[in-house]
Amino acid sequence: METRTYTADVVIVGGGTAGTMAAIKAKQADPSLSVLVLDKADIRRSGAISMGMDGLNNAVIPGKASPEEYTWEITESNDGILDQQAVFRQASECHAIVNELDSWGVDFEKDANGDYEVYRVHRKGRYVLPMPKASDLKLILAKQVKRMRCKVVNRVMATRLLTEGNRVAGVIGLDVKNGDMIVVHAKAVILTAGAAGRMGLTDSGYLYSTYENPTNSGEGFAMAYHAGVELTGIECYQINPTMKDYNGPACAYVAGPFGGYTANSKGERVTGCDYWSGELIMNMWKMANKGEWPLYLKLTHLDDESISKIEAILHHNERPSRDRFHAGRGKDYRTDMVELHFSEVGLCSGHSAAGVLVDHEAQTSMEGLYAAGDMASVPHQYLLGALTFGKIAGTNAAAYAAGVSMPEADPSQIEAERERIYKPLDNPNGVPHQQVETKIRRIVTQYLMPPKTVVKMELALEKIEHFRNVDLKLLGARDPHELGRAMEVHSIVDCAEMMAKASLFRKESRWGFYHYFLDYPERDDANWLKRVVLRRGGDGEMQLYTRELPPYIITRNPADIEKEEEANHVQSIV
């Protein structure tokens, strides 16, 4: 096993949708710069979506919705904890991203006039833009990265950031095919490593049958934490409604525009809005505890044409195995409702709010370090938000890199990481990674899953400490693949500790079921309408503190303002 060294002006960690867009836009901003993408898998089929997506959940299309309306929608959806300027930036710039994707050949649903067709799934606005034939989205993005002459190194798992004081200096990683250590010297780094989705155990019993792409095991969160970078919203979990025994979304929000909905066993609608939120999961959890369970996705009342449209979207883009799953069980949307369940817990800003703390320029608390996508703290940003903030991060990272010299890497950081990465190889007959991972994820499921209590969180931390002192040291690996899996276990335990400590710190309940804290069951805006921030201190201990929210730029619902203006206009005429 060798050490391979690269040098780049901008290095991007993760080749999913945010990462590919960041690479494209960094190169567009300054073609003279060298741009390098490190991908744990293969950039053509990597990231949370791997292939394509059933639709964009938050497309702000002029004439159909406004950035102001969307910003207020997310302010309410995330219980007020957000940087409104970042959400407004996303809402203002996403239409241009949609147009660009359309010009590259990504398929979007359009009306008879050729305009984008958007539907209402959120509590108020119309933001859902279906993508009926978008299974080639990742291939299209990868092609654009290649066309821009960005360098891509596949099968490299980034493990740590190189730093020079509070400035980023590069990335360390592992080639999971041949075991080489990878050292990248860089002026700017963009973290787009996705969610921490492999945290709890799945209901199906399969270790990698997670709602999120199972390769998204939290490396970005762990890398940022160990570099001393600020993270926020870690107590705001991701929990989604999924299909029972299948690692895919329930998709009532996709079927909703066509007339589908979440129903009880009698086929009666039980939710007023199927938009994913902590409030929706809280209502589902309450029903389960009252014995009104299971719930279902109901499509049986729809005509064949509507069901065929839903099948075309759900079965050919994001989860192409979905039709085979139903067929193998003799189920059909026309005659059978689809049983639902809860996903395992995780960390994700795309569906929730947890992530590396960034501002509206995708800048983190470390100089030269940017973040975008599911691991950056812009709440409820989904696929389109990842693409939009990928663009912002790439553009700004390029501008930064063009104006600075290459930092000096600390050889001691490289050697310390070399020792950590390869240590499991010294114990080839040790405990296999699957068994060690199962234990830490069982701890997450049994103790971190809401409803939260002080006792459960403290027990979790006690068990996590024991896990670090005992189980991690028993972990063995025999080849580069197992070595990569062993490093993923390290990321999972880091994220679990952050989840427990952040949950204990926020002494209230917020975000519906995501942070339902029985010791503090009420939402407390007077004391907790603020961010909980955590970082690793210089002494190696986790620091937690609060920070006031950035000033709101929109303080009232735009719809209410419009109604008042209309009323005043009528009065003035009278």
Protein backbone atom coordinates (compact mmCIF):
# COMPACT_ATOMS: atom_id res chain seq x y z
CA MET A 1 0.00 0.00 0.00
CA GLU A 2 1.39 3.34 -1.09
CA THR A 3 0.73 7.01 -0.42
CA ARG A 4 -0.61 8.90 -3.43
CA THR A 5 -0.40 12.68 -3.30
CA TYR A 6 -2.47 15.13 -5.32
CA THR A 7 -2.48 18.92 -5.49
CA ALA A 8 -5.51 20.97 -6.52
CA ASP A 9 -6.78 24.50 -6.20
CA VAL A 10 -10.22 23.19 -5.20
CA VAL A 11 -10.96 19.69 -3.93
CA ILE A 12 -14.51 18.41 -3.54
CA VAL A 13 -15.32 15.59 -1.12
CA GLY A 14 -18.23 13.63 -2.57
CA GLY A 15 -19.46 13.26 -6.13
CA GLY A 16 -23.21 13.34 -5.57
CA THR A 17 -25.47 16.07 -6.90
CA ALA A 18 -24.02 18.86 -4.75
CA GLY A 19 -20.46 17.73 -5.48
CA THR A 20 -20.85 17.46 -9.23
CA MET A 21 -22.52 20.86 -9.45
CA ALA A 22 -19.80 22.37 -7.24
CA ALA A 23 -17.12 21.01 -9.56
CA ILE A 24 -18.87 22.30 -12.68
CA LYS A 25 -19.38 25.78 -11.25
CA ALA A 26 -15.87 26.05 -9.77
CA LYS A 27 -14.39 25.32 -13.18
CA GLN A 28 -16.81 27.65 -14.92
CA ALA A 29 -15.90 30.44 -12.52
CA ASP A 30 -12.18 30.10 -13.28
CA PRO A 31 -11.14 27.60 -15.98
CA SER A 32 -7.48 28.07 -15.07
CA LEU A 33 -7.98 26.40 -11.67
CA SER A 34 -7.41 22.71 -11.04
CA VAL A 35 -10.56 21.07 -9.61
CA LEU A 36 -10.44 17.58 -8.10
CA VAL A 37 -13.43 15.43 -7.03
CA LEU A 38 -12.93 12.56 -4.58
CA ASP A 39 -15.76 10.03 -4.72
CA LYS A 40 -16.20 7.12 -2.36
CA ALA A 41 -18.04 5.20 -5.09
CA ASP A 42 -18.18 6.16 -8.80
CA ILE A 43 -19.30 9.63 -9.78
CA ARG A 44 -21.63 8.25 -12.44
CA ARG A 45 -23.84 6.49 -9.89
CA SER A 46 -22.99 7.92 -6.50
CA GLY A 47 -24.65 10.06 -3.86
CA ALA A 48 -28.07 9.99 -2.25
CA ILE A 49 -29.99 9.59 -5.51
CA SER A 50 -27.49 7.38 -7.43
CA MET A 51 -29.57 7.54 -10.60
CA GLY A 52 -32.30 10.15 -10.67
CA MET A 53 -35.22 11.46 -8.67
CA ASP A 54 -38.99 11.38 -8.85
CA GLY A 55 -39.19 15.15 -8.64
CA LEU A 56 -37.91 18.39 -7.18
CA ASN A 57 -39.63 19.12 -3.87
CA ASN A 58 -38.79 22.81 -3.69
CA ALA A 59 -38.75 24.37 -7.15
CA VAL A 60 -39.60 28.06 -6.88
CA ILE A 61 -40.85 28.82 -10.38
CA PRO A 62 -41.67 32.48 -11.18
CA GLY A 63 -45.39 32.96 -11.63
CA LYS A 64 -46.10 29.87 -9.52
CA ALA A 65 -44.35 30.86 -6.27
CA SER A 66 -42.00 33.50 -4.92
CA PRO A 67 -38.76 33.29 -2.91
CA GLU A 68 -40.49 35.21 -0.13
CA GLU A 69 -43.33 32.67 0.07
CA TYR A 70 -40.94 29.74 0.06
CA THR A 71 -38.70 31.29 2.73
CA TRP A 72 -41.70 31.78 5.01
CA GLU A 73 -42.84 28.21 4.30
CA ILE A 74 -39.50 26.82 5.45
CA THR A 75 -39.41 29.19 8.42
CA GLU A 76 -42.65 27.63 9.63
CA SER A 77 -41.66 24.08 8.64
CA ASN A 78 -38.44 24.30 10.63
CA ASP A 79 -40.01 25.99 13.65
CA GLY A 80 -38.13 29.22 13.07
CA ILE A 81 -34.58 27.84 13.41
CA LEU A 82 -32.82 28.84 10.20
CA ASP A 83 -30.77 31.40 8.37
CA GLN A 84 -33.51 32.97 6.26
CA GLN A 85 -30.98 34.61 3.97
CA ALA A 86 -29.58 31.19 3.02
CA VAL A 87 -33.05 29.78 2.31
CA PHE A 88 -33.97 32.92 0.35
CA ARG A 89 -30.75 32.59 -1.66
CA GLN A 90 -31.66 29.02 -2.56
CA ALA A 91 -35.21 30.02 -3.50
CA SER A 92 -34.00 32.93 -5.63
CA GLU A 93 -31.39 31.01 -7.61
CA CYS A 94 -32.96 27.56 -8.02
CA HIS A 95 -35.01 28.46 -11.10
CA ALA A 96 -31.83 29.14 -13.05
CA ILE A 97 -30.54 25.72 -11.96
CA VAL A 98 -33.74 24.05 -13.23
CA ASN A 99 -33.36 25.82 -16.58
CA GLU A 100 -29.75 24.72 -16.83
CA LEU A 101 -30.62 21.10 -16.02
CA ASP A 102 -33.37 21.27 -18.63
CA SER A 103 -30.86 22.48 -21.23
CA TRP A 104 -28.60 19.52 -20.36
CA GLY A 105 -31.37 17.05 -21.08
CA VAL A 106 -32.95 16.42 -17.66
CA ASP A 107 -36.64 15.66 -18.11
CA PHE A 108 -39.20 17.76 -16.22
CA GLU A 109 -42.99 17.67 -16.43
CA LYS A 110 -44.36 20.56 -18.49
CA ASP A 111 -47.83 21.79 -19.39
CA ALA A 112 -49.30 22.26 -22.86
CA ASN A 113 -47.52 25.61 -23.16
CA GLY A 114 -44.12 24.13 -22.35
CA ASP A 115 -44.00 25.67 -18.87
CA TYR A 116 -42.89 23.72 -15.81
CA GLU A 117 -45.81 21.97 -14.11
CA VAL A 118 -45.69 22.38 -10.34
CA TYR A 119 -47.96 20.88 -7.69
CA ARG A 120 -48.86 21.61 -4.11
CA VAL A 121 -47.64 19.20 -1.43
CA HIS A 122 -46.33 21.64 1.17
CA ARG A 123 -48.78 23.14 3.61
CA LYS A 124 -49.22 26.22 1.44
CA GLY A 125 -47.19 26.77 -1.70
CA ARG A 126 -46.77 24.92 -5.02
CA TYR A 127 -43.19 23.78 -5.32
CA VAL A 128 -43.18 20.13 -6.47
CA LEU A 129 -41.89 19.72 -10.03
CA PRO A 130 -42.12 16.08 -11.19
CA MET A 131 -39.29 14.47 -13.16
CA PRO A 132 -41.00 11.60 -15.01
CA LYS A 133 -37.92 10.34 -16.87
CA ALA A 134 -34.92 11.53 -14.89
CA SER A 135 -33.16 8.22 -14.18
CA ASP A 136 -30.11 9.52 -16.03
CA LEU A 137 -29.65 12.67 -13.93
CA LYS A 138 -26.39 11.50 -12.33
CA LEU A 139 -24.98 10.43 -15.70
CA ILE A 140 -25.81 13.87 -17.12
CA LEU A 141 -24.08 15.62 -14.21
CA ALA A 142 -21.03 13.35 -14.46
CA LYS A 143 -20.81 14.09 -18.18
CA GLN A 144 -20.76 17.82 -17.46
CA VAL A 145 -17.98 17.34 -14.90
CA LYS A 146 -15.94 15.52 -17.53
CA ARG A 147 -16.71 18.16 -20.16
CA MET A 148 -15.37 20.85 -17.80
CA ARG A 149 -12.12 18.82 -17.47
CA CYS A 150 -12.34 18.38 -13.73
CA LYS A 151 -10.24 15.53 -12.39
CA VAL A 152 -12.18 12.71 -10.71
CA VAL A 153 -10.67 10.06 -8.44
CA ASN A 154 -13.24 7.34 -7.72
CA ARG A 155 -13.22 4.81 -4.88
CA VAL A 156 -11.54 7.19 -2.45
CA MET A 157 -13.09 7.59 0.98
CA ALA A 158 -12.10 10.91 2.55
CA THR A 159 -11.46 10.53 6.29
CA ARG A 160 -9.95 13.77 7.66
CA LEU A 161 -9.31 17.38 6.72
CA LEU A 162 -5.80 18.79 6.69
CA THR A 163 -5.66 22.13 8.48
CA GLU A 164 -3.28 25.02 9.09
CA GLY A 165 -4.66 26.79 12.15
CA ASN A 166 -8.24 27.73 11.24
CA ARG A 167 -7.55 27.37 7.53
CA VAL A 168 -8.19 24.23 5.51
CA ALA A 169 -5.12 22.78 3.80
CA GLY A 170 -6.43 19.65 2.09
CA VAL A 171 -7.90 16.20 2.57
CA ILE A 172 -6.70 12.77 3.68
CA GLY A 173 -8.40 9.61 2.46
CA LEU A 174 -8.26 5.91 1.68
CA ASP A 175 -8.49 4.14 -1.67
CA VAL A 176 -10.98 1.42 -0.79
CA LYS A 177 -9.94 -0.74 -3.77
CA ASN A 178 -6.17 -1.00 -3.29
CA GLY A 179 -5.66 0.44 0.20
CA ASP A 180 -3.49 3.39 -0.82
CA MET A 181 -3.48 6.39 1.47
CA ILE A 182 -4.54 9.54 -0.36
CA VAL A 183 -3.19 12.98 0.54
CA VAL A 184 -4.59 16.01 -1.28
CA HIS A 185 -3.04 19.46 -0.83
CA ALA A 186 -5.59 22.16 -1.67
CA LYS A 187 -6.31 25.85 -1.33
CA ALA A 188 -10.05 25.32 -0.86
CA VAL A 189 -12.18 22.32 0.09
CA ILE A 190 -15.90 21.76 -0.46
CA LEU A 191 -17.59 19.12 1.70
CA THR A 192 -20.47 17.45 -0.14
CA ALA A 193 -20.28 14.01 1.49
CA GLY A 194 -24.01 13.66 2.10
CA ALA A 195 -26.11 12.70 5.09
CA ALA A 196 -25.29 10.56 8.10
CA GLY A 197 -27.95 8.09 7.09
CA ARG A 198 -26.57 4.81 8.41
CA MET A 199 -27.16 5.52 12.08
CA GLY A 200 -30.02 3.41 13.43
CA LEU A 201 -30.82 -0.20 12.56
CA THR A 202 -33.38 -0.77 9.85
CA ASP A 203 -36.79 -2.31 10.49
CA SER A 204 -36.17 -4.85 7.73
CA GLY A 205 -33.18 -6.31 9.57
CA TYR A 206 -30.74 -5.71 6.72
CA LEU A 207 -27.69 -3.68 7.77
CA TYR A 208 -27.46 -1.64 4.57
CA SER A 209 -31.19 -1.41 3.81
CA THR A 210 -31.31 2.20 4.99
CA TYR A 211 -33.57 4.96 3.73
CA GLU A 212 -30.49 6.97 2.75
CA ASN A 213 -27.90 5.60 0.36
CA PRO A 214 -26.03 3.30 2.80
CA THR A 215 -22.65 4.66 1.74
CA ASN A 216 -23.68 7.96 3.35
CA SER A 217 -22.37 7.08 6.80
CA GLY A 218 -21.49 10.53 8.12
CA GLU A 219 -17.88 11.03 7.02
CA GLY A 220 -18.51 14.69 6.20
CA PHE A 221 -19.98 15.39 9.64
CA ALA A 222 -17.08 13.57 11.33
CA MET A 223 -14.40 15.24 9.20
CA ALA A 224 -15.77 18.70 9.97
CA TYR A 225 -16.06 17.91 13.69
CA HIS A 226 -12.49 16.61 14.07
CA ALA A 227 -11.17 19.70 12.26
CA GLY A 228 -12.86 21.95 14.84
CA VAL A 229 -15.53 23.21 12.42
CA GLU A 230 -18.91 24.27 13.82
CA LEU A 231 -21.99 22.10 13.28
CA THR A 232 -25.59 22.91 14.14
CA GLY A 233 -29.03 21.30 14.35
CA ILE A 234 -27.59 17.91 15.24
CA GLU A 235 -30.43 17.39 17.71
CA CYS A 236 -32.91 17.80 14.82
CA TYR A 237 -33.09 14.23 13.51
CA GLN A 238 -34.18 12.92 10.15
CA ILE A 239 -37.01 10.36 10.37
CA ASN A 240 -39.08 9.69 7.26
CA PRO A 241 -42.21 7.71 6.37
CA THR A 242 -41.08 4.71 4.35
CA MET A 243 -42.58 1.61 2.78
CA LYS A 244 -42.61 -1.36 5.15
CA ASP A 245 -39.66 -3.72 4.53
CA TYR A 246 -38.34 -1.57 1.66
CA ASN A 247 -35.62 1.04 1.89
CA GLY A 248 -37.52 3.64 -0.07
CA PRO A 249 -39.79 6.58 0.66
CA ALA A 250 -43.52 6.16 1.11
CA CYS A 251 -43.92 8.89 -1.52
CA ALA A 252 -47.38 10.10 -0.53
CA TYR A 253 -46.03 13.54 -1.43
CA VAL A 254 -45.31 12.30 -4.97
CA ALA A 255 -48.69 10.59 -5.32
CA GLY A 256 -50.50 13.52 -3.68
CA PRO A 257 -50.72 15.71 -6.78
CA PHE A 258 -52.42 12.81 -8.57
CA GLY A 259 -54.89 12.16 -5.73
CA GLY A 260 -53.04 9.65 -3.54
CA TYR A 261 -52.82 10.09 0.22
CA THR A 262 -51.89 8.54 3.57
CA ALA A 263 -54.75 6.43 4.93
CA ASN A 264 -55.67 4.15 7.82
CA SER A 265 -56.64 0.49 7.43
CA LYS A 266 -60.16 1.57 6.45
CA GLY A 267 -58.84 3.69 3.59
CA GLU A 268 -59.69 6.96 5.33
CA ARG A 269 -57.33 9.89 4.92
CA VAL A 270 -55.49 10.63 8.16
CA THR A 271 -53.19 13.53 7.30
CA GLY A 272 -54.09 16.98 6.12
CA CYS A 273 -50.68 17.37 4.47
CA ASP A 274 -48.22 14.69 3.40
CA TYR A 275 -45.25 17.06 3.29
CA TRP A 276 -42.42 15.43 5.23
CA SER A 277 -41.90 17.10 8.56
CA GLY A 278 -41.45 16.33 12.22
CA GLU A 279 -45.10 17.23 12.66
CA LEU A 280 -46.15 14.49 10.20
CA ILE A 281 -43.97 11.89 11.94
CA MET A 282 -45.32 13.00 15.34
CA ASN A 283 -48.89 12.46 14.16
CA MET A 284 -47.99 9.05 12.75
CA TRP A 285 -46.23 8.07 16.00
CA LYS A 286 -49.25 9.12 18.07
CA MET A 287 -51.53 7.04 15.89
CA ALA A 288 -49.24 4.04 16.27
CA ASN A 289 -49.34 4.38 20.05
CA LYS A 290 -53.13 4.58 20.02
CA GLY A 291 -53.33 1.32 18.10
CA GLU A 292 -54.35 3.06 14.85
CA TRP A 293 -51.61 1.32 12.93
CA PRO A 294 -50.39 0.54 10.37
CA LEU A 295 -50.91 3.39 7.95
CA TYR A 296 -50.92 3.04 4.18
CA LEU A 297 -50.33 4.85 0.93
CA LYS A 298 -53.73 4.71 -0.78
CA LEU A 299 -54.02 4.80 -4.58
CA THR A 300 -56.77 2.22 -5.13
CA HIS A 301 -59.40 4.90 -5.72
CA LEU A 302 -57.52 6.42 -8.67
CA ASP A 303 -58.07 5.72 -12.37
CA ASP A 304 -55.57 3.61 -14.30
CA GLU A 305 -54.06 6.60 -16.13
CA SER A 306 -53.20 8.37 -12.86
CA ILE A 307 -51.74 5.22 -11.34
CA SER A 308 -49.66 4.61 -14.46
CA LYS A 309 -48.20 8.11 -14.18
CA ILE A 310 -47.33 7.50 -10.52
CA GLU A 311 -45.70 4.18 -11.41
CA ALA A 312 -43.68 5.79 -14.18
CA ILE A 313 -42.25 8.29 -11.67
CA LEU A 314 -41.74 6.00 -8.66
CA HIS A 315 -40.50 2.87 -10.40
CA HIS A 316 -37.94 4.19 -12.87
CA ASN A 317 -35.99 7.02 -11.26
CA GLU A 318 -34.99 6.97 -7.62
CA ARG A 319 -35.77 3.34 -6.65
CA PRO A 320 -36.09 1.18 -9.79
CA SER A 321 -36.42 -1.96 -7.68
CA ARG A 322 -39.72 -0.72 -6.27
CA ASP A 323 -41.91 -2.39 -8.90
CA ARG A 324 -40.14 -5.71 -8.39
CA PHE A 325 -40.67 -5.39 -4.63
CA HIS A 326 -44.43 -5.03 -5.12
CA ALA A 327 -44.60 -7.71 -7.81
CA GLY A 328 -42.73 -10.18 -5.61
CA ARG A 329 -45.44 -9.79 -2.97
CA GLY A 330 -48.35 -9.88 -5.38
CA LYS A 331 -49.30 -6.24 -4.70
CA ASP A 332 -50.69 -3.70 -7.15
CA TYR A 333 -51.54 -0.03 -6.56
CA ARG A 334 -54.87 -0.61 -8.29
CA THR A 335 -56.06 -3.17 -5.76
CA ASP A 336 -53.81 -2.87 -2.70
CA MET A 337 -52.77 -0.13 -0.32
CA VAL A 338 -49.04 0.09 0.49
CA GLU A 339 -48.08 -0.46 4.13
CA LEU A 340 -45.96 2.31 5.66
CA HIS A 341 -43.45 2.49 8.49
CA PHE A 342 -40.83 4.82 10.03
CA SER A 343 -37.29 5.07 8.79
CA GLU A 344 -34.29 4.79 11.08
CA VAL A 345 -32.90 8.03 12.55
CA GLY A 346 -30.21 10.01 10.78
CA LEU A 347 -28.70 13.44 10.21
CA CYS A 348 -29.62 15.30 7.04
CA SER A 349 -30.37 18.89 6.14
CA GLY A 350 -32.13 17.81 2.94
CA HIS A 351 -35.08 16.39 4.89
CA SER A 352 -34.39 18.06 8.24
CA ALA A 353 -31.88 20.66 9.44
CA ALA A 354 -28.69 19.03 10.77
CA GLY A 355 -25.37 19.90 9.23
CA VAL A 356 -22.11 21.78 9.09
CA LEU A 357 -22.89 25.41 9.89
CA VAL A 358 -22.82 27.46 6.69
CA ASP A 359 -23.98 30.94 5.74
CA HIS A 360 -25.72 32.00 2.53
CA GLU A 361 -22.38 31.82 0.72
CA ALA A 362 -21.86 28.14 1.75
CA GLN A 363 -18.93 29.27 3.92
CA THR A 364 -18.21 27.30 7.09
CA SER A 365 -16.49 28.52 10.26
CA MET A 366 -13.11 27.50 8.78
CA GLU A 367 -11.34 29.64 6.20
CA GLY A 368 -11.32 28.08 2.75
CA LEU A 369 -13.82 25.37 3.71
CA TYR A 370 -17.28 25.27 2.14
CA ALA A 371 -20.16 22.78 2.42
CA ALA A 372 -23.25 21.99 0.39
CA GLY A 373 -25.98 19.39 0.07
CA ASP A 374 -27.34 17.11 2.77
CA MET A 375 -24.49 17.87 5.18
CA ALA A 376 -24.79 21.68 5.10
CA SER A 377 -27.15 23.40 7.54
CA VAL A 378 -29.71 24.85 5.11
CA PRO A 379 -32.95 23.17 6.25
CA HIS A 380 -35.27 21.17 3.98
CA GLN A 381 -33.15 21.84 0.90
CA TYR A 382 -33.65 18.46 -0.85
CA LEU A 383 -32.13 17.73 -4.26
CA LEU A 384 -32.60 21.18 -5.76
CA GLY A 385 -31.09 22.85 -2.71
CA ALA A 386 -28.05 20.58 -3.00
CA LEU A 387 -27.62 21.61 -6.62
CA THR A 388 -28.14 25.30 -5.87
CA PHE A 389 -25.75 25.41 -2.92
CA GLY A 390 -23.33 23.24 -4.86
CA LYS A 391 -23.23 26.05 -7.38
CA ILE A 392 -22.76 28.68 -4.66
CA ALA A 393 -20.02 26.68 -2.95
CA GLY A 394 -18.17 25.96 -6.19
CA THR A 395 -18.27 29.57 -7.34
CA ASN A 396 -17.07 30.94 -3.99
CA ALA A 397 -14.41 28.28 -3.46
CA ALA A 398 -12.96 29.10 -6.88
CA ALA A 399 -12.85 32.83 -6.08
CA TYR A 400 -11.15 32.12 -2.76
CA ALA A 401 -8.59 29.72 -4.24
CA ALA A 402 -7.66 32.17 -6.98
CA GLY A 403 -6.54 34.73 -4.41
CA VAL A 404 -4.48 32.67 -1.95
CA SER A 405 -1.30 30.64 -1.93
CA MET A 406 -1.13 26.92 -1.17
CA PRO A 407 -1.11 26.34 2.62
CA GLU A 408 1.45 24.18 4.35
CA ALA A 409 0.25 20.73 5.38
CA ASP A 410 1.23 19.47 8.83
CA PRO A 411 3.09 16.14 8.45
CA SER A 412 2.04 15.10 11.96
CA GLN A 413 -1.64 15.23 10.93
CA ILE A 414 -0.92 12.92 8.01
CA GLU A 415 1.01 10.42 10.13
CA ALA A 416 -1.64 10.39 12.87
CA GLU A 417 -4.32 9.64 10.31
CA ARG A 418 -2.18 6.98 8.65
CA GLU A 419 -1.96 5.18 12.00
CA ARG A 420 -5.72 5.44 12.60
CA ILE A 421 -6.71 4.26 9.12
CA TYR A 422 -4.49 1.19 8.98
CA LYS A 423 -4.83 0.08 12.61
CA PRO A 424 -7.59 -2.51 11.92
CA LEU A 425 -5.22 -4.30 9.53
CA ASP A 426 -3.02 -5.13 12.52
CA ASN A 427 -5.94 -7.18 13.82
CA PRO A 428 -7.09 -9.25 10.78
CA ASN A 429 -8.79 -11.83 12.99
CA GLY A 430 -10.54 -9.20 15.09
CA VAL A 431 -14.27 -8.63 15.31
CA PRO A 432 -15.73 -8.14 11.79
CA HIS A 433 -16.97 -4.67 10.93
CA GLN A 434 -20.57 -5.88 10.51
CA GLN A 435 -20.76 -7.01 14.13
CA VAL A 436 -19.17 -3.86 15.52
CA GLU A 437 -21.40 -1.64 13.40
CA THR A 438 -24.51 -3.55 14.45
CA LYS A 439 -23.71 -2.83 18.09
CA ILE A 440 -23.30 0.93 17.75
CA ARG A 441 -26.40 1.19 15.56
CA ARG A 442 -28.37 -0.83 18.12
CA ILE A 443 -27.31 1.72 20.74
CA VAL A 444 -28.56 4.50 18.46
CA THR A 445 -31.89 2.77 17.88
CA GLN A 446 -32.56 1.85 21.49
CA TYR A 447 -31.40 5.05 23.18
CA LEU A 448 -31.39 7.94 20.69
CA MET A 449 -34.69 7.32 18.91
CA PRO A 450 -37.40 9.76 20.06
CA PRO A 451 -39.17 10.31 22.33
CA LYS A 452 -35.97 11.49 24.01
CA THR A 453 -35.34 11.51 27.75
CA VAL A 454 -32.40 12.61 29.86
CA VAL A 455 -31.97 9.06 31.13
CA LYS A 456 -31.86 7.59 27.63
CA MET A 457 -29.38 10.18 26.35
CA GLU A 458 -27.09 9.75 29.36
CA LEU A 459 -27.20 5.97 28.99
CA ALA A 460 -26.40 6.38 25.31
CA LEU A 461 -23.31 8.44 26.13
CA GLU A 462 -22.20 5.90 28.72
CA LYS A 463 -22.51 3.10 26.17
CA ILE A 464 -20.83 5.15 23.43
CA GLU A 465 -17.84 5.78 25.69
CA HIS A 466 -17.58 2.05 26.45
CA PHE A 467 -17.90 1.33 22.72
CA ARG A 468 -14.95 3.63 21.98
CA ASN A 469 -12.79 2.13 24.71
CA VAL A 470 -13.57 -1.52 23.96
CA ASP A 471 -15.41 -2.35 20.73
CA LEU A 472 -13.53 -0.02 18.37
CA LYS A 473 -10.26 -1.50 19.56
CA LEU A 474 -11.50 -5.01 18.73
CA LEU A 475 -12.37 -4.01 15.17
CA GLY A 476 -10.45 -5.95 12.53
CA ALA A 477 -9.96 -5.72 8.76
CA ARG A 478 -8.35 -8.01 6.19
CA ASP A 479 -8.45 -5.94 3.00
CA PRO A 480 -9.06 -2.36 1.74
CA HIS A 481 -12.83 -2.88 1.47
CA GLU A 482 -13.11 -3.97 5.10
CA LEU A 483 -10.80 -1.13 6.08
CA GLY A 484 -13.21 1.36 4.52
CA ARG A 485 -16.12 -0.23 6.36
CA ALA A 486 -14.16 0.01 9.61
CA MET A 487 -13.61 3.74 9.04
CA GLU A 488 -17.35 4.15 8.48
CA VAL A 489 -17.95 2.72 11.96
CA HIS A 490 -15.74 5.50 13.36
CA SER A 491 -17.91 8.09 11.60
CA ILE A 492 -21.13 6.52 12.89
CA VAL A 493 -19.98 6.59 16.52
CA ASP A 494 -18.80 10.22 16.17
CA CYS A 495 -22.23 11.24 14.85
CA ALA A 496 -24.01 9.24 17.58
CA GLU A 497 -22.12 11.10 20.31
CA MET A 498 -22.94 14.44 18.70
CA MET A 499 -26.63 13.49 18.49
CA ALA A 500 -26.83 12.53 22.16
CA LYS A 501 -25.00 15.60 23.48
CA ALA A 502 -26.84 18.07 21.27
CA SER A 503 -30.17 16.50 22.28
CA LEU A 504 -29.35 16.85 25.97
CA PHE A 505 -28.28 20.46 25.47
CA ARG A 506 -31.53 21.72 23.88
CA LYS A 507 -33.91 21.70 26.85
CA GLU A 508 -37.22 21.91 25.03
CA SER A 509 -39.19 20.01 22.38
CA ARG A 510 -39.14 21.25 18.78
CA TRP A 511 -39.59 20.02 15.21
CA GLY A 512 -42.40 17.63 16.06
CA PHE A 513 -41.07 14.12 16.60
CA TYR A 514 -37.51 15.00 15.52
CA HIS A 515 -36.69 16.46 18.93
CA TYR A 516 -39.54 15.29 21.15
CA PHE A 517 -37.95 15.55 24.61
CA LEU A 518 -40.22 14.16 27.35
CA ASP A 519 -38.29 15.91 30.14
CA TYR A 520 -39.01 19.23 28.37
CA PRO A 521 -42.20 18.52 26.38
CA GLU A 522 -43.06 22.09 25.35
CA ARG A 523 -41.57 24.32 22.69
CA ASP A 524 -39.85 27.25 24.40
CA ASP A 525 -39.22 30.13 21.99
CA ALA A 526 -38.38 32.51 24.82
CA ASN A 527 -35.22 30.58 25.66
CA TRP A 528 -34.52 28.32 22.69
CA LEU A 529 -35.37 30.17 19.48
CA LYS A 530 -31.70 29.96 18.65
CA ARG A 531 -29.13 27.57 17.27
CA VAL A 532 -27.36 24.89 19.24
CA VAL A 533 -23.79 24.80 17.92
CA LEU A 534 -21.15 22.21 18.64
CA ARG A 535 -17.49 21.82 17.78
CA ARG A 536 -14.42 19.93 18.92
CA GLY A 537 -12.30 22.09 21.18
CA GLY A 538 -8.54 22.30 21.28
CA ASP A 539 -8.49 19.92 24.23
CA GLY A 540 -10.34 17.29 22.20
CA GLU A 541 -13.58 17.70 24.16
CA MET A 542 -16.92 18.54 22.57
CA GLN A 543 -18.05 22.11 23.14
CA LEU A 544 -21.74 23.04 22.96
CA TYR A 545 -23.19 26.54 23.02
CA THR A 546 -26.02 28.60 21.60
CA ARG A 547 -25.93 31.29 18.95
CA GLU A 548 -28.61 33.80 18.09
CA LEU A 549 -30.27 33.35 14.73
CA PRO A 550 -29.24 35.62 11.85
CA PRO A 551 -31.80 38.44 11.56
CA TYR A 552 -34.96 37.49 9.68
CA ILE A 553 -35.38 39.20 6.32
CA ILE A 554 -39.06 38.15 6.16
CA THR A 555 -41.02 38.61 9.38
CA ARG A 556 -44.57 37.98 8.16
CA ASN A 557 -46.36 35.57 5.89
CA PRO A 558 -46.31 37.17 2.40
CA ALA A 559 -49.85 35.87 1.79
CA ASP A 560 -51.14 37.85 4.80
CA ILE A 561 -49.41 40.98 3.54
CA GLU A 562 -50.98 40.51 0.12
CA LYS A 563 -54.44 40.13 1.64
CA GLU A 564 -54.01 43.33 3.67
CA GLU A 565 -52.87 45.24 0.60
CA GLU A 566 -55.87 44.00 -1.34
CA ALA A 567 -58.21 45.01 1.50
CA ASN A 568 -56.63 48.45 1.75
CA HIS A 569 -56.93 48.85 -2.02
CA VAL A 570 -60.65 48.00 -1.87
CA GLN A 571 -61.18 50.47 0.99
CA SER A 572 -59.40 53.24 -0.89
CA ILE A 573 -61.63 52.68 -3.91
CA VAL A 574 -64.76 52.74 -1.75
